[in-house]
Every structure is written in structure tokens, then in C-alpha cells.
Amino acid sequence: MAKKEKPPRGIAKKTDLRENIGKVFINLGQVVFGTLFLGGVLRGEIPHFIMIVAGGISAMLLLVFGIMFSVKEQKAKEG
């Protein structure tokens, strides 16, 4: 019996990073937001206000980049 080859899973998949770059940016934005913003909120002191602002701004920038790349990829696939 011939051994059936399984398709690669996870990172082993041969997908181009450019295909998923939007998702990568969105996930990065969520991680940055979670660590900085929520860390600053839970501590609740004045120096942590800077963390809150920095976390919020950087997360929003990453999310915007992610959405832009996702839209570009959608348009590229359609036409």
C-alpha cells in the first residue's frame, strides 16, 4: 500500500506571507493593545497613562495597516 501524503499543517504550509499580512497586522494590533493598554488600565497610575495612550495609538495603527492590506489582497484576488 502506498503511503498517502498528508498536506502540511501550520507553519509548514507553503503560503506566501503577503497573502496573510493583513491578518498578521491585525493580530499584532490586538496583542499590543492587550499588553500595553490593559496593563496601563489595571495599574491605574499616572506613568501608566502614557502606556495606555501608546498602546491605544499603536494598536490602532496596526489595525489600520492590517485592514488596508486585507482590502488590497481582496481586490487583487477579485480582479
N, C-alpha and C. Protein backbone atom coordinates (compact mmCIF):
# COMPACT_ATOMS: atom_id res chain seq x y z
N MET A 1 0.83 -1.21 0.00
CA MET A 1 0.00 0.00 0.00
C MET A 1 0.87 1.26 0.00
N ALA A 2 0.56 2.13 -0.89
CA ALA A 2 1.31 3.38 -0.96
C ALA A 2 0.89 4.29 0.20
N LYS A 3 1.88 4.90 0.80
CA LYS A 3 1.58 5.80 1.92
C LYS A 3 1.02 7.12 1.38
N LYS A 4 -0.12 7.50 1.93
CA LYS A 4 -0.78 8.72 1.48
C LYS A 4 -0.08 9.93 2.09
N GLU A 5 0.28 10.89 1.26
CA GLU A 5 0.95 12.08 1.79
C GLU A 5 -0.07 13.03 2.39
N LYS A 6 0.23 13.47 3.61
CA LYS A 6 -0.66 14.43 4.27
C LYS A 6 -0.26 15.84 3.86
N PRO A 7 -1.24 16.71 3.71
CA PRO A 7 -0.88 18.11 3.43
C PRO A 7 -0.21 18.72 4.66
N PRO A 8 0.79 19.58 4.45
CA PRO A 8 1.47 20.18 5.60
C PRO A 8 0.51 21.04 6.42
N ARG A 9 0.75 21.07 7.72
CA ARG A 9 -0.12 21.83 8.61
C ARG A 9 0.66 22.96 9.26
N GLY A 10 -0.05 23.99 9.68
CA GLY A 10 0.55 25.08 10.44
C GLY A 10 1.56 25.87 9.62
N ILE A 11 2.72 26.10 10.22
CA ILE A 11 3.74 26.93 9.59
C ILE A 11 4.31 26.23 8.35
N ALA A 12 4.22 24.91 8.32
CA ALA A 12 4.79 24.16 7.21
C ALA A 12 4.07 24.43 5.89
N LYS A 13 2.86 24.98 5.95
CA LYS A 13 2.14 25.30 4.72
C LYS A 13 2.95 26.29 3.89
N LYS A 14 2.97 26.07 2.61
CA LYS A 14 3.75 26.96 1.75
C LYS A 14 2.87 28.10 1.25
N THR A 15 2.44 28.94 2.18
CA THR A 15 1.66 30.11 1.78
C THR A 15 2.57 31.32 1.86
N ASP A 16 2.36 32.22 0.95
CA ASP A 16 3.16 33.43 0.93
C ASP A 16 2.72 34.33 2.08
N LEU A 17 3.69 34.92 2.76
CA LEU A 17 3.37 35.79 3.89
C LEU A 17 2.52 36.98 3.43
N ARG A 18 2.73 37.40 2.18
CA ARG A 18 1.97 38.55 1.68
C ARG A 18 0.48 38.26 1.64
N GLU A 19 0.11 36.99 1.51
CA GLU A 19 -1.31 36.66 1.49
C GLU A 19 -1.97 36.94 2.83
N ASN A 20 -1.21 36.73 3.90
CA ASN A 20 -1.80 36.83 5.24
C ASN A 20 -1.29 38.02 6.03
N ILE A 21 -0.63 38.97 5.36
CA ILE A 21 -0.01 40.07 6.10
C ILE A 21 -1.06 40.92 6.82
N GLY A 22 -2.24 41.04 6.23
CA GLY A 22 -3.29 41.81 6.90
C GLY A 22 -3.68 41.18 8.22
N LYS A 23 -3.84 39.85 8.22
CA LYS A 23 -4.19 39.14 9.45
C LYS A 23 -3.08 39.27 10.48
N VAL A 24 -1.84 39.23 10.00
CA VAL A 24 -0.70 39.36 10.91
C VAL A 24 -0.74 40.71 11.61
N PHE A 25 -0.98 41.78 10.85
CA PHE A 25 -1.02 43.11 11.44
C PHE A 25 -2.19 43.24 12.42
N ILE A 26 -3.34 42.68 12.07
CA ILE A 26 -4.49 42.77 12.96
C ILE A 26 -4.20 42.04 14.27
N ASN A 27 -3.59 40.87 14.19
CA ASN A 27 -3.26 40.13 15.40
C ASN A 27 -2.22 40.87 16.23
N LEU A 28 -1.22 41.46 15.57
CA LEU A 28 -0.22 42.25 16.28
C LEU A 28 -0.87 43.42 17.01
N GLY A 29 -1.81 44.07 16.34
CA GLY A 29 -2.52 45.18 16.97
C GLY A 29 -3.26 44.74 18.21
N GLN A 30 -3.89 43.58 18.15
CA GLN A 30 -4.61 43.07 19.32
C GLN A 30 -3.65 42.76 20.46
N VAL A 31 -2.50 42.19 20.15
CA VAL A 31 -1.52 41.85 21.19
C VAL A 31 -0.98 43.11 21.85
N VAL A 32 -0.61 44.10 21.02
CA VAL A 32 -0.07 45.35 21.56
C VAL A 32 -1.11 46.04 22.42
N PHE A 33 -2.34 46.07 21.93
CA PHE A 33 -3.42 46.70 22.68
C PHE A 33 -3.61 45.99 24.01
N GLY A 34 -3.64 44.67 23.97
CA GLY A 34 -3.86 43.91 25.20
C GLY A 34 -2.77 44.14 26.23
N THR A 35 -1.52 44.12 25.79
CA THR A 35 -0.43 44.24 26.77
C THR A 35 -0.31 45.66 27.30
N LEU A 36 -0.17 46.63 26.41
CA LEU A 36 0.08 48.00 26.87
C LEU A 36 -1.16 48.65 27.46
N PHE A 37 -2.24 48.64 26.70
CA PHE A 37 -3.45 49.36 27.12
C PHE A 37 -4.02 48.76 28.40
N LEU A 38 -4.28 47.47 28.38
CA LEU A 38 -4.89 46.85 29.56
C LEU A 38 -3.93 46.83 30.74
N GLY A 39 -2.62 46.67 30.47
CA GLY A 39 -1.64 46.74 31.55
C GLY A 39 -1.66 48.10 32.21
N GLY A 40 -1.75 49.15 31.41
CA GLY A 40 -1.82 50.50 31.97
C GLY A 40 -3.11 50.75 32.73
N VAL A 41 -4.22 50.22 32.22
CA VAL A 41 -5.52 50.44 32.88
C VAL A 41 -5.55 49.73 34.23
N LEU A 42 -5.03 48.51 34.27
CA LEU A 42 -5.11 47.74 35.51
C LEU A 42 -4.24 48.35 36.60
N ARG A 43 -3.10 48.93 36.22
CA ARG A 43 -2.25 49.55 37.22
C ARG A 43 -2.84 50.88 37.68
N GLY A 44 -3.32 51.65 36.71
CA GLY A 44 -4.05 52.88 37.00
C GLY A 44 -3.27 53.98 37.67
N GLU A 45 -2.01 54.16 37.33
CA GLU A 45 -1.24 55.27 37.88
C GLU A 45 -0.88 56.23 36.73
N ILE A 46 -0.38 57.41 37.11
CA ILE A 46 -0.11 58.44 36.09
C ILE A 46 0.91 57.99 35.04
N PRO A 47 2.07 57.39 35.41
CA PRO A 47 3.01 56.98 34.35
C PRO A 47 2.39 55.97 33.39
N HIS A 48 1.44 55.22 33.89
CA HIS A 48 0.82 54.21 33.05
C HIS A 48 -0.17 54.83 32.08
N PHE A 49 -0.52 56.09 32.29
CA PHE A 49 -1.36 56.79 31.32
C PHE A 49 -0.65 56.84 29.97
N ILE A 50 0.69 57.01 30.02
CA ILE A 50 1.48 57.02 28.78
C ILE A 50 1.37 55.66 28.10
N MET A 51 1.43 54.59 28.90
CA MET A 51 1.29 53.24 28.35
C MET A 51 -0.07 53.08 27.69
N ILE A 52 -1.10 53.61 28.35
CA ILE A 52 -2.46 53.48 27.81
C ILE A 52 -2.54 54.17 26.45
N VAL A 53 -2.04 55.41 26.39
CA VAL A 53 -2.10 56.17 25.14
C VAL A 53 -1.26 55.51 24.06
N ALA A 54 -0.03 55.11 24.41
CA ALA A 54 0.86 54.48 23.42
C ALA A 54 0.26 53.17 22.93
N GLY A 55 -0.29 52.39 23.84
CA GLY A 55 -0.90 51.12 23.45
C GLY A 55 -2.08 51.33 22.53
N GLY A 56 -2.92 52.29 22.86
CA GLY A 56 -4.09 52.56 22.03
C GLY A 56 -3.71 53.04 20.64
N ILE A 57 -2.77 53.98 20.57
CA ILE A 57 -2.38 54.55 19.28
C ILE A 57 -1.70 53.50 18.40
N SER A 58 -0.74 52.77 18.98
CA SER A 58 -0.01 51.78 18.17
C SER A 58 -0.94 50.66 17.73
N ALA A 59 -1.86 50.27 18.59
CA ALA A 59 -2.81 49.21 18.21
C ALA A 59 -3.70 49.69 17.07
N MET A 60 -4.15 50.94 17.14
CA MET A 60 -5.00 51.45 16.07
C MET A 60 -4.22 51.51 14.75
N LEU A 61 -2.95 51.94 14.80
CA LEU A 61 -2.15 51.99 13.58
C LEU A 61 -1.98 50.60 12.98
N LEU A 62 -1.68 49.61 13.83
CA LEU A 62 -1.51 48.25 13.33
C LEU A 62 -2.81 47.72 12.73
N LEU A 63 -3.93 48.03 13.39
CA LEU A 63 -5.21 47.57 12.86
C LEU A 63 -5.51 48.22 11.51
N VAL A 64 -5.22 49.51 11.39
CA VAL A 64 -5.46 50.20 10.12
C VAL A 64 -4.60 49.59 9.01
N PHE A 65 -3.30 49.33 9.32
CA PHE A 65 -2.44 48.69 8.33
C PHE A 65 -2.99 47.32 7.95
N GLY A 66 -3.43 46.57 8.93
CA GLY A 66 -3.97 45.24 8.67
C GLY A 66 -5.19 45.29 7.78
N ILE A 67 -6.08 46.22 8.04
CA ILE A 67 -7.30 46.33 7.24
C ILE A 67 -6.94 46.77 5.82
N MET A 68 -5.99 47.72 5.70
CA MET A 68 -5.58 48.17 4.36
C MET A 68 -5.01 47.01 3.55
N PHE A 69 -4.12 46.22 4.17
CA PHE A 69 -3.52 45.10 3.44
C PHE A 69 -4.57 44.06 3.09
N SER A 70 -5.53 43.82 4.00
CA SER A 70 -6.58 42.84 3.72
C SER A 70 -7.42 43.29 2.53
N VAL A 71 -7.76 44.58 2.49
CA VAL A 71 -8.57 45.10 1.39
C VAL A 71 -7.79 44.99 0.08
N LYS A 72 -6.48 45.32 0.11
CA LYS A 72 -5.66 45.21 -1.10
C LYS A 72 -5.66 43.77 -1.61
N GLU A 73 -5.50 42.82 -0.70
CA GLU A 73 -5.46 41.41 -1.11
C GLU A 73 -6.80 40.97 -1.69
N GLN A 74 -7.90 41.44 -1.09
CA GLN A 74 -9.23 41.09 -1.61
C GLN A 74 -9.39 41.60 -3.03
N LYS A 75 -9.00 42.86 -3.25
CA LYS A 75 -9.12 43.45 -4.59
C LYS A 75 -8.23 42.73 -5.59
N ALA A 76 -7.02 42.34 -5.14
CA ALA A 76 -6.10 41.64 -6.03
C ALA A 76 -6.66 40.27 -6.42
N LYS A 77 -7.32 39.61 -5.50
CA LYS A 77 -7.89 38.29 -5.79
C LYS A 77 -9.08 38.41 -6.74
N GLU A 78 -9.89 39.45 -6.55
CA GLU A 78 -11.10 39.61 -7.37
C GLU A 78 -10.76 40.02 -8.80
N GLY A 79 -9.84 40.96 -8.95
CA GLY A 79 -9.59 41.44 -10.30
C GLY A 79 -8.21 41.61 -10.62
